[in-house]
Amino acid sequence: MVYHSTRGQTPPHTFSQAVEAGLAPDGGLFLPERLPDITPLLPQWAGLSYAELAAEFFTLFASEVSREEWHALTAQAYSKFAHPDTAPLVRFTPQTYVLELFHGPTLAFKDFALQLLGLLYKRQVAQTGRKLAVLGATSGDTGSAAIHGCLGQEGIVIFILYPNGRVAPLQERQMACSGADNVFAIPVPGTFDDAQRVVKETFGDTAFTREVNLSAVNSINIARVLAQCVYYISGWLRLPAEAREKGVEFVVPTGNFGNVLAGWLAAKMGLPGVSFRVATNQNDILHRFFSTGIYEQGEVHPSHAPSMDIQAASNFERYLWFLLGGDTPKVRSVMTEMKSTGRADLRANMAADFRSTRMDDDTIQRVIVQAWQDWQYVLDPHTACAFTAMSPEKTSVVLATASPAKFPEVVARATGSEPTHPTLEALKALPLRRWPLTADVEVVKEFIRAHL
């Protein structure tokens, strides 16, 4: 299996090369040359543990890593998850389930990919003997999960940019209180999109990426998207047969589009009878796109669900490649147009792949209240965005993307009680270690050089 860039101007990469590069040298995103058919494998996967399922899935995508090594890697990656099912499926009603994705070390769904990606980086350093500089931007959860995946690992130095004052306080503490010498939490002025722009432009300097051996930790890294495919398969396999027979709609809170794209790719690989609803907060670029066919960036408005405060969805380019039938010159043209104008009219290419909804802050608050009253279940504000417009015909599986304990103020206003978690409480007494920088590519590059 080799990996090609969505922009078609990068030579084929192996899985390990694509993971190490993160972003393709031509500015595109890597995709596998083909998507395998997993349908005949589902019966034999049904009895596997989560770690075993992940290992078997990844053997389809990386021939240079043996099946035995994949099993060792995934066993280690998911050993730190607090729940025995790793990604437990909770039944709310006969037609509504919640797939809990917040039992990892940093209490968010990003742990599923980033605990594994950290081990893949460690493997790469051991094989090549070259130190690796890991760079990413975050709107909240990616940064802490990436840091904890790379924490203290020899040969890896990680740099995470985030919008100053626009992540939840506990999310910032998860990044800036690790105490590890190989971790640099970097607040920059502006929004997540400003931080992500700096990251992408830094990777655009191919001489610099080679100089410092730079790798991308964001969901632009193909390993992250593939790792996230697994929990859709796991959730589907654990549903009762009668629930699957109705058809399954996965309802996915998303801002950067990587989470729901992973499920859609699993469906293209043959996960049967599934559909998807994109659930956005008030920063609703994806909802507007799926409603109108026009992708148009707007102003980012801070919200109760800060990890979704995004107006430039990084993973959209992968979906665009499929939407345009793999026409890489057309992908390049559209991405150039989007970069220069913030807009692209794709109405002629639209497909009925996703439903979408949006939710403002007042409604998020009301939904958290209602879930507590109806089910004595505490939703985090991102997951709350999913609880609207449920399909009357299908089984709904809502992806719970973060622990409510990461957003205590919002939840406390809704439920009257502040959620807590021991790992988060311990952070409150630790000093913050931050390295504030301007959102300037040259400044960030010099900082990386100085701290490798």
Protein backbone atom coordinates (compact mmCIF):
# COMPACT_ATOMS: atom_id res chain seq x y z
CA MET A 1 0.00 0.00 0.00
CA VAL A 2 1.35 3.40 -0.98
CA TYR A 3 -0.01 6.86 -0.27
CA HIS A 4 -0.63 9.69 -2.74
CA SER A 5 -1.14 13.40 -2.19
CA THR A 6 -4.54 14.93 -2.88
CA ARG A 7 -2.70 17.48 -5.04
CA GLY A 8 -0.91 14.90 -7.19
CA GLN A 9 2.56 16.44 -7.20
CA THR A 10 4.30 14.28 -4.60
CA PRO A 11 5.88 10.87 -5.32
CA PRO A 12 4.14 7.88 -3.68
CA HIS A 13 5.01 7.38 0.00
CA THR A 14 4.93 4.27 2.15
CA PHE A 15 2.78 4.36 5.26
CA SER A 16 5.78 5.14 7.47
CA GLN A 17 6.96 7.90 5.14
CA ALA A 18 3.48 9.45 4.98
CA VAL A 19 3.20 9.36 8.78
CA GLU A 20 6.60 10.96 9.25
CA ALA A 21 5.91 13.69 6.68
CA GLY A 22 2.38 14.44 7.91
CA LEU A 23 1.66 17.03 5.23
CA ALA A 24 2.66 16.14 1.65
CA PRO A 25 5.50 18.27 0.20
CA ASP A 26 3.11 19.73 -2.41
CA GLY A 27 0.84 21.00 0.37
CA GLY A 28 -1.73 18.25 -0.08
CA LEU A 29 -2.91 15.51 2.27
CA PHE A 30 -2.04 11.84 1.95
CA LEU A 31 -4.63 9.21 1.07
CA PRO A 32 -4.10 5.47 0.54
CA GLU A 33 -3.92 4.36 -3.08
CA ARG A 34 -7.06 2.30 -2.53
CA LEU A 35 -9.55 1.58 0.22
CA PRO A 36 -9.74 -2.12 1.16
CA ASP A 37 -13.06 -3.97 1.43
CA ILE A 38 -13.55 -4.78 5.12
CA THR A 39 -17.03 -6.34 4.71
CA PRO A 40 -15.85 -9.98 4.67
CA LEU A 41 -13.62 -9.33 7.69
CA LEU A 42 -16.35 -7.97 9.98
CA PRO A 43 -17.60 -11.39 11.27
CA GLN A 44 -14.11 -12.40 12.40
CA TRP A 45 -13.46 -8.96 13.90
CA ALA A 46 -16.62 -9.11 16.03
CA GLY A 47 -15.01 -10.94 18.95
CA LEU A 48 -11.81 -8.92 19.13
CA SER A 49 -10.82 -6.47 21.83
CA TYR A 50 -10.47 -2.84 20.79
CA ALA A 51 -6.67 -3.08 20.59
CA GLU A 52 -6.86 -6.30 18.57
CA LEU A 53 -9.38 -4.76 16.17
CA ALA A 54 -7.12 -1.73 15.65
CA ALA A 55 -4.15 -3.97 14.92
CA GLU A 56 -6.03 -6.06 12.37
CA PHE A 57 -7.37 -2.92 10.70
CA PHE A 58 -3.90 -1.35 10.37
CA THR A 59 -2.41 -4.48 8.81
CA LEU A 60 -4.46 -3.54 5.73
CA PHE A 61 -2.64 -0.22 5.41
CA ALA A 62 1.04 -0.74 6.26
CA SER A 63 2.77 -3.78 4.86
CA GLU A 64 6.15 -2.65 6.26
CA VAL A 65 4.84 -3.18 9.81
CA SER A 66 4.23 -6.83 10.69
CA ARG A 67 0.94 -8.06 12.15
CA GLU A 68 2.78 -8.98 15.36
CA GLU A 69 4.23 -5.49 15.67
CA TRP A 70 0.84 -3.88 15.06
CA HIS A 71 -0.62 -5.95 17.89
CA ALA A 72 2.19 -4.87 20.21
CA LEU A 73 1.76 -1.20 19.23
CA THR A 74 -2.01 -1.10 19.67
CA ALA A 75 -1.90 -3.09 22.93
CA GLN A 76 0.46 -0.46 24.34
CA ALA A 77 -1.48 2.48 22.87
CA TYR A 78 -4.80 1.48 24.42
CA SER A 79 -3.47 0.13 27.72
CA LYS A 80 -3.86 3.60 29.29
CA PHE A 81 -7.60 3.85 28.67
CA ALA A 82 -9.65 3.75 31.85
CA HIS A 83 -12.65 1.76 30.59
CA PRO A 84 -12.31 -2.00 29.89
CA ASP A 85 -14.19 -1.57 26.58
CA THR A 86 -11.90 1.35 25.57
CA ALA A 87 -14.77 2.92 23.59
CA PRO A 88 -17.94 1.82 25.45
CA LEU A 89 -21.35 2.02 23.83
CA VAL A 90 -24.06 3.38 26.16
CA ARG A 91 -27.75 2.88 25.36
CA PHE A 92 -30.01 5.88 26.05
CA THR A 93 -33.17 4.65 24.31
CA PRO A 94 -33.90 1.69 22.02
CA GLN A 95 -32.96 3.94 19.11
CA THR A 96 -30.24 6.18 20.61
CA TYR A 97 -26.76 5.21 21.74
CA VAL A 98 -23.69 7.17 22.82
CA LEU A 99 -20.21 5.99 21.86
CA GLU A 100 -17.98 7.26 24.68
CA LEU A 101 -14.60 8.33 23.33
CA PHE A 102 -13.25 10.13 26.40
CA HIS A 103 -11.69 7.39 28.53
CA GLY A 104 -8.12 7.97 27.34
CA PRO A 105 -5.32 9.79 29.18
CA THR A 106 -6.48 13.30 28.21
CA LEU A 107 -10.23 12.56 28.32
CA ALA A 108 -10.96 13.28 24.65
CA PHE A 109 -11.42 11.31 21.43
CA LYS A 110 -8.07 12.54 20.11
CA ASP A 111 -6.36 10.00 22.40
CA PHE A 112 -7.46 7.15 20.12
CA ALA A 113 -5.20 8.39 17.35
CA LEU A 114 -2.49 10.21 19.24
CA GLN A 115 -1.54 7.52 21.74
CA LEU A 116 -0.83 5.33 18.71
CA LEU A 117 0.81 8.08 16.66
CA GLY A 118 3.25 8.81 19.49
CA LEU A 119 4.36 5.16 19.37
CA LEU A 120 4.71 5.29 15.59
CA TYR A 121 6.95 8.33 15.99
CA LYS A 122 9.01 6.47 18.59
CA ARG A 123 9.35 3.54 16.19
CA GLN A 124 10.44 5.88 13.41
CA VAL A 125 13.14 7.52 15.56
CA ALA A 126 14.45 4.11 16.63
CA GLN A 127 14.66 2.92 13.02
CA THR A 128 16.22 6.04 11.49
CA GLY A 129 18.26 7.37 14.40
CA ARG A 130 17.07 10.89 13.52
CA LYS A 131 15.46 13.25 16.02
CA LEU A 132 11.91 14.20 15.09
CA ALA A 133 10.33 17.64 15.47
CA VAL A 134 6.56 17.32 15.82
CA LEU A 135 4.45 20.39 15.05
CA GLY A 136 0.72 20.92 15.40
CA ALA A 137 -2.02 23.46 15.97
CA THR A 138 -4.95 22.88 18.27
CA SER A 139 -8.29 24.36 19.21
CA GLY A 140 -8.09 22.42 22.48
CA ASP A 141 -8.00 18.63 22.62
CA THR A 142 -5.53 17.74 19.87
CA GLY A 143 -2.69 19.55 21.61
CA SER A 144 -3.04 17.82 24.95
CA ALA A 145 -3.53 14.40 23.36
CA ALA A 146 -0.52 14.88 21.07
CA ILE A 147 1.64 16.03 23.97
CA HIS A 148 0.69 13.05 26.08
CA GLY A 149 1.36 10.70 23.18
CA CYS A 150 4.91 12.06 22.88
CA LEU A 151 5.57 12.85 26.54
CA GLY A 152 9.19 12.30 27.52
CA GLN A 153 9.97 10.17 24.47
CA GLU A 154 13.64 10.32 23.56
CA GLY A 155 14.37 11.79 20.14
CA ILE A 156 10.99 13.57 19.85
CA VAL A 157 10.40 17.27 20.51
CA ILE A 158 6.83 18.51 20.20
CA PHE A 159 5.62 22.06 19.48
CA ILE A 160 1.91 22.85 19.81
CA LEU A 161 0.41 26.20 18.74
CA TYR A 162 -2.97 27.26 20.12
CA PRO A 163 -5.05 30.45 20.12
CA ASN A 164 -4.24 32.43 23.24
CA GLY A 165 -7.28 32.76 25.49
CA ARG A 166 -9.51 30.68 23.20
CA VAL A 167 -9.09 27.19 24.65
CA ALA A 168 -10.71 26.02 27.87
CA PRO A 169 -8.50 26.64 30.94
CA LEU A 170 -8.18 22.92 31.70
CA GLN A 171 -7.32 22.17 28.07
CA GLU A 172 -4.48 24.68 28.35
CA ARG A 173 -3.29 23.14 31.60
CA GLN A 174 -3.16 19.71 29.96
CA MET A 175 -0.74 21.18 27.42
CA ALA A 176 1.27 23.57 29.58
CA CYS A 177 1.64 21.63 32.85
CA SER A 178 3.31 18.43 31.61
CA GLY A 179 6.71 19.39 33.04
CA ALA A 180 8.39 17.49 30.20
CA ASP A 181 11.50 18.98 28.62
CA ASN A 182 10.47 17.86 25.12
CA VAL A 183 7.15 19.74 25.17
CA PHE A 184 6.56 23.34 24.07
CA ALA A 185 3.05 24.80 24.46
CA ILE A 186 2.92 27.94 22.31
CA PRO A 187 -0.01 30.38 22.60
CA VAL A 188 -0.37 32.69 19.60
CA PRO A 189 -2.74 35.63 19.04
CA GLY A 190 -5.89 35.10 16.98
CA THR A 191 -7.98 32.01 16.36
CA PHE A 192 -7.25 28.34 15.71
CA ASP A 193 -7.28 29.10 12.00
CA ASP A 194 -4.37 31.53 12.50
CA ALA A 195 -2.39 28.84 14.34
CA GLN A 196 -3.20 26.26 11.68
CA ARG A 197 -2.15 28.65 8.92
CA VAL A 198 1.29 29.03 10.54
CA VAL A 199 1.63 25.25 10.75
CA LYS A 200 0.69 24.70 7.11
CA GLU A 201 2.97 27.47 5.88
CA THR A 202 5.82 26.08 7.96
CA PHE A 203 5.37 22.71 6.29
CA GLY A 204 5.30 24.53 2.96
CA ASP A 205 9.01 25.30 3.45
CA THR A 206 10.31 21.90 2.35
CA ALA A 207 13.94 22.82 3.01
CA PHE A 208 13.04 23.61 6.63
CA THR A 209 11.02 20.42 7.07
CA ARG A 210 14.03 18.39 5.89
CA GLU A 211 16.43 20.42 8.06
CA VAL A 212 14.58 19.73 11.33
CA ASN A 213 12.85 16.46 10.29
CA LEU A 214 9.41 17.98 10.83
CA SER A 215 6.23 15.92 11.19
CA ALA A 216 2.59 17.02 11.49
CA VAL A 217 0.55 15.83 14.43
CA ASN A 218 -2.78 17.38 13.36
CA SER A 219 -5.52 15.36 11.71
CA ILE A 220 -3.78 16.21 8.44
CA ASN A 221 -1.65 13.15 9.38
CA ILE A 222 -3.15 10.09 7.69
CA ALA A 223 -2.38 7.84 10.68
CA ARG A 224 -4.76 9.88 12.78
CA VAL A 225 -7.65 9.53 10.37
CA LEU A 226 -7.11 5.78 9.97
CA ALA A 227 -6.91 5.29 13.75
CA GLN A 228 -10.25 7.06 14.12
CA CYS A 229 -11.90 4.70 11.60
CA VAL A 230 -11.56 1.92 14.16
CA TYR A 231 -14.02 3.22 16.74
CA TYR A 232 -16.77 3.44 14.13
CA ILE A 233 -16.20 -0.22 13.27
CA SER A 234 -16.01 -1.13 16.95
CA GLY A 235 -19.22 0.75 17.76
CA TRP A 236 -21.09 -0.79 14.83
CA LEU A 237 -19.98 -4.30 15.80
CA ARG A 238 -21.26 -3.88 19.36
CA LEU A 239 -24.72 -2.67 18.38
CA PRO A 240 -27.51 -5.25 18.66
CA ALA A 241 -28.38 -6.85 15.33
CA GLU A 242 -31.86 -5.30 15.35
CA ALA A 243 -30.36 -1.82 15.81
CA ARG A 244 -28.02 -2.34 12.84
CA GLU A 245 -30.88 -3.64 10.68
CA LYS A 246 -32.67 -0.27 10.93
CA GLY A 247 -29.61 1.46 9.52
CA VAL A 248 -27.20 3.44 11.67
CA GLU A 249 -26.62 7.18 11.61
CA PHE A 250 -23.44 8.24 13.35
CA VAL A 251 -23.87 11.76 14.70
CA VAL A 252 -20.49 13.45 14.94
CA PRO A 253 -19.60 16.77 16.60
CA THR A 254 -16.90 18.17 14.37
CA GLY A 255 -15.09 21.35 13.41
CA ASN A 256 -12.00 20.20 11.55
CA PHE A 257 -13.85 17.42 9.68
CA GLY A 258 -11.31 14.70 10.53
CA ASN A 259 -13.55 12.82 12.96
CA VAL A 260 -16.53 12.40 10.67
CA LEU A 261 -14.30 11.84 7.61
CA ALA A 262 -12.86 8.77 9.34
CA GLY A 263 -16.34 7.28 9.70
CA TRP A 264 -17.19 8.10 6.09
CA LEU A 265 -14.01 6.35 4.95
CA ALA A 266 -14.98 3.29 7.02
CA ALA A 267 -18.31 3.29 5.18
CA LYS A 268 -16.51 3.47 1.83
CA MET A 269 -14.50 0.45 2.98
CA GLY A 270 -17.72 -1.51 3.38
CA LEU A 271 -19.09 -0.83 6.87
CA PRO A 272 -22.71 -1.56 5.92
CA GLY A 273 -25.87 0.47 6.34
CA VAL A 274 -24.32 3.55 7.92
CA SER A 275 -24.82 7.26 7.31
CA PHE A 276 -23.52 10.42 8.98
CA ARG A 277 -24.69 13.72 10.40
CA VAL A 278 -22.18 16.52 10.90
CA ALA A 279 -23.03 18.39 14.12
CA THR A 280 -21.48 21.86 14.36
CA ASN A 281 -21.61 24.63 16.90
CA GLN A 282 -22.33 28.24 15.90
CA ASN A 283 -19.11 28.24 13.83
CA ASP A 284 -21.01 26.35 11.20
CA ILE A 285 -18.95 26.39 7.99
CA LEU A 286 -19.51 22.66 7.47
CA HIS A 287 -23.26 22.89 8.11
CA ARG A 288 -23.49 25.76 5.63
CA PHE A 289 -21.49 23.79 3.07
CA PHE A 290 -23.63 20.67 3.29
CA SER A 291 -26.78 22.80 3.20
CA THR A 292 -25.80 24.96 0.20
CA GLY A 293 -22.80 23.41 -1.61
CA ILE A 294 -20.82 26.61 -1.00
CA TYR A 295 -17.76 26.47 1.24
CA GLU A 296 -17.31 29.97 2.64
CA GLN A 297 -15.19 30.97 5.60
CA GLY A 298 -16.52 33.50 8.06
CA GLU A 299 -15.50 35.04 11.34
CA VAL A 300 -14.82 32.70 14.27
CA HIS A 301 -17.07 33.37 17.26
CA PRO A 302 -15.94 31.95 20.64
CA SER A 303 -18.41 29.39 21.93
CA HIS A 304 -19.21 26.95 24.73
CA ALA A 305 -17.66 24.24 22.49
CA PRO A 306 -14.21 25.77 21.84
CA SER A 307 -12.65 22.76 20.11
CA MET A 308 -15.09 23.38 17.24
CA ASP A 309 -14.38 27.12 16.91
CA ILE A 310 -12.99 26.70 13.40
CA GLN A 311 -13.71 28.26 10.00
CA ALA A 312 -11.09 26.39 7.93
CA ALA A 313 -11.65 22.63 8.20
CA SER A 314 -8.25 21.04 7.65
CA ASN A 315 -9.52 17.64 6.54
CA PHE A 316 -11.98 19.00 4.02
CA GLU A 317 -9.37 18.60 1.28
CA ARG A 318 -9.48 14.81 1.58
CA TYR A 319 -13.24 14.80 1.06
CA LEU A 320 -12.82 17.29 -1.76
CA TRP A 321 -10.53 14.82 -3.55
CA PHE A 322 -13.31 12.23 -3.52
CA LEU A 323 -15.96 14.80 -4.39
CA LEU A 324 -13.95 15.79 -7.50
CA GLY A 325 -13.35 12.19 -8.56
CA GLY A 326 -9.65 12.22 -7.75
CA ASP A 327 -8.98 15.06 -10.22
CA THR A 328 -5.80 16.43 -8.59
CA PRO A 329 -5.45 19.51 -10.85
CA LYS A 330 -9.02 20.45 -9.95
CA VAL A 331 -8.25 19.90 -6.24
CA ARG A 332 -5.26 22.23 -6.56
CA SER A 333 -7.41 24.82 -8.31
CA VAL A 334 -10.16 24.72 -5.67
CA MET A 335 -7.68 24.84 -2.79
CA THR A 336 -5.95 27.84 -4.36
CA GLU A 337 -9.30 29.57 -4.74
CA MET A 338 -10.21 28.80 -1.13
CA LYS A 339 -6.91 30.13 0.14
CA SER A 340 -7.18 33.39 -1.81
CA THR A 341 -10.91 34.09 -1.35
CA GLY A 342 -12.05 31.87 1.53
CA ARG A 343 -14.79 30.53 -0.73
CA ALA A 344 -15.50 27.76 -3.22
CA ASP A 345 -18.74 26.98 -5.05
CA LEU A 346 -19.06 23.19 -5.25
CA ARG A 347 -22.77 22.91 -5.97
CA ALA A 348 -22.13 21.11 -9.25
CA ASN A 349 -20.18 18.40 -7.43
CA MET A 350 -22.30 17.85 -4.35
CA ALA A 351 -23.24 14.35 -3.19
CA ALA A 352 -25.72 13.31 -0.50
CA ASP A 353 -23.00 11.96 1.79
CA PHE A 354 -23.84 13.86 4.99
CA ARG A 355 -26.69 15.47 6.87
CA SER A 356 -25.73 18.44 8.99
CA THR A 357 -27.00 20.55 11.88
CA ARG A 358 -25.79 23.52 13.92
CA MET A 359 -26.32 24.56 17.53
CA ASP A 360 -25.80 27.91 19.25
CA ASP A 361 -24.60 28.39 22.83
CA ASP A 362 -28.04 28.87 24.37
CA THR A 363 -29.25 25.61 22.88
CA ILE A 364 -26.11 23.77 24.00
CA GLN A 365 -26.91 24.85 27.57
CA ARG A 366 -30.52 23.67 27.27
CA VAL A 367 -29.50 20.30 25.81
CA ILE A 368 -27.09 19.63 28.69
CA VAL A 369 -29.92 20.42 31.13
CA GLN A 370 -32.35 18.14 29.28
CA ALA A 371 -29.93 15.20 29.10
CA TRP A 372 -29.32 15.48 32.83
CA GLN A 373 -33.04 15.60 33.58
CA ASP A 374 -34.00 12.79 31.21
CA TRP A 375 -31.11 10.36 31.65
CA GLN A 376 -28.97 11.64 34.55
CA TYR A 377 -26.18 11.78 31.99
CA VAL A 378 -23.75 14.70 31.80
CA LEU A 379 -22.86 15.83 28.29
CA ASP A 380 -19.88 17.98 27.44
CA PRO A 381 -20.79 21.01 25.28
CA HIS A 382 -19.35 19.49 22.07
CA THR A 383 -21.33 16.27 22.41
CA ALA A 384 -24.44 18.31 23.23
CA CYS A 385 -24.32 19.74 19.69
CA ALA A 386 -25.33 16.31 18.39
CA PHE A 387 -28.61 16.07 20.30
CA THR A 388 -30.95 17.59 17.76
CA ALA A 389 -32.79 16.41 14.63
CA MET A 390 -32.38 12.73 15.45
CA SER A 391 -33.39 10.39 12.62
CA PRO A 392 -36.87 8.96 13.24
CA GLU A 393 -36.14 5.82 11.19
CA LYS A 394 -32.54 4.92 11.99
CA THR A 395 -30.53 3.99 15.05
CA SER A 396 -28.57 7.06 16.15
CA VAL A 397 -25.05 6.65 17.55
CA VAL A 398 -23.75 9.92 19.00
CA LEU A 399 -20.00 10.26 19.37
CA ALA A 400 -19.22 11.68 22.83
CA THR A 401 -15.98 13.45 22.09
CA ALA A 402 -14.81 14.75 25.49
CA SER A 403 -15.34 14.40 29.22
CA PRO A 404 -17.64 17.04 30.70
CA ALA A 405 -14.99 17.56 33.40
CA LYS A 406 -12.90 19.48 30.85
CA PHE A 407 -15.61 22.17 30.66
CA PRO A 408 -16.74 22.58 34.28
CA GLU A 409 -18.12 26.13 34.07
CA VAL A 410 -20.54 25.43 31.21
CA VAL A 411 -21.69 22.12 32.68
CA ALA A 412 -22.10 23.54 36.19
CA ARG A 413 -24.38 26.29 34.89
CA ALA A 414 -26.56 23.65 33.27
CA THR A 415 -26.63 20.94 35.93
CA GLY A 416 -25.93 22.86 39.14
CA SER A 417 -22.91 20.68 39.87
CA GLU A 418 -19.32 21.05 38.66
CA PRO A 419 -17.95 17.85 37.09
CA THR A 420 -14.47 16.85 38.22
CA HIS A 421 -11.82 14.30 37.31
CA PRO A 422 -8.75 13.40 39.40
CA THR A 423 -6.24 13.96 36.59
CA LEU A 424 -7.66 17.41 35.90
CA GLU A 425 -7.80 18.37 39.55
CA ALA A 426 -4.12 17.52 39.92
CA LEU A 427 -3.26 19.97 37.13
CA LYS A 428 -4.69 22.95 38.99
CA ALA A 429 -1.75 23.06 41.41
CA LEU A 430 0.94 22.87 38.73
CA PRO A 431 2.71 25.86 37.17
CA LEU A 432 1.99 26.77 33.54
CA ARG A 433 4.98 26.56 31.18
CA ARG A 434 4.12 28.50 28.02
CA TRP A 435 6.19 30.03 25.24
CA PRO A 436 4.05 32.84 23.72
CA LEU A 437 4.94 33.72 20.12
CA THR A 438 3.46 35.84 17.35
CA ALA A 439 1.53 34.01 14.62
CA ASP A 440 4.49 34.43 12.27
CA VAL A 441 6.00 31.56 10.31
CA GLU A 442 9.60 32.78 10.53
CA VAL A 443 9.33 33.34 14.28
CA VAL A 444 7.99 29.82 14.78
CA LYS A 445 10.68 28.28 12.59
CA GLU A 446 13.43 30.03 14.53
CA PHE A 447 11.89 28.85 17.80
CA ILE A 448 11.88 25.26 16.59
CA ARG A 449 15.51 25.50 15.49
CA ALA A 450 16.51 26.91 18.85
CA HIS A 451 14.78 24.22 20.92
CA LEU A 452 15.53 21.01 19.07
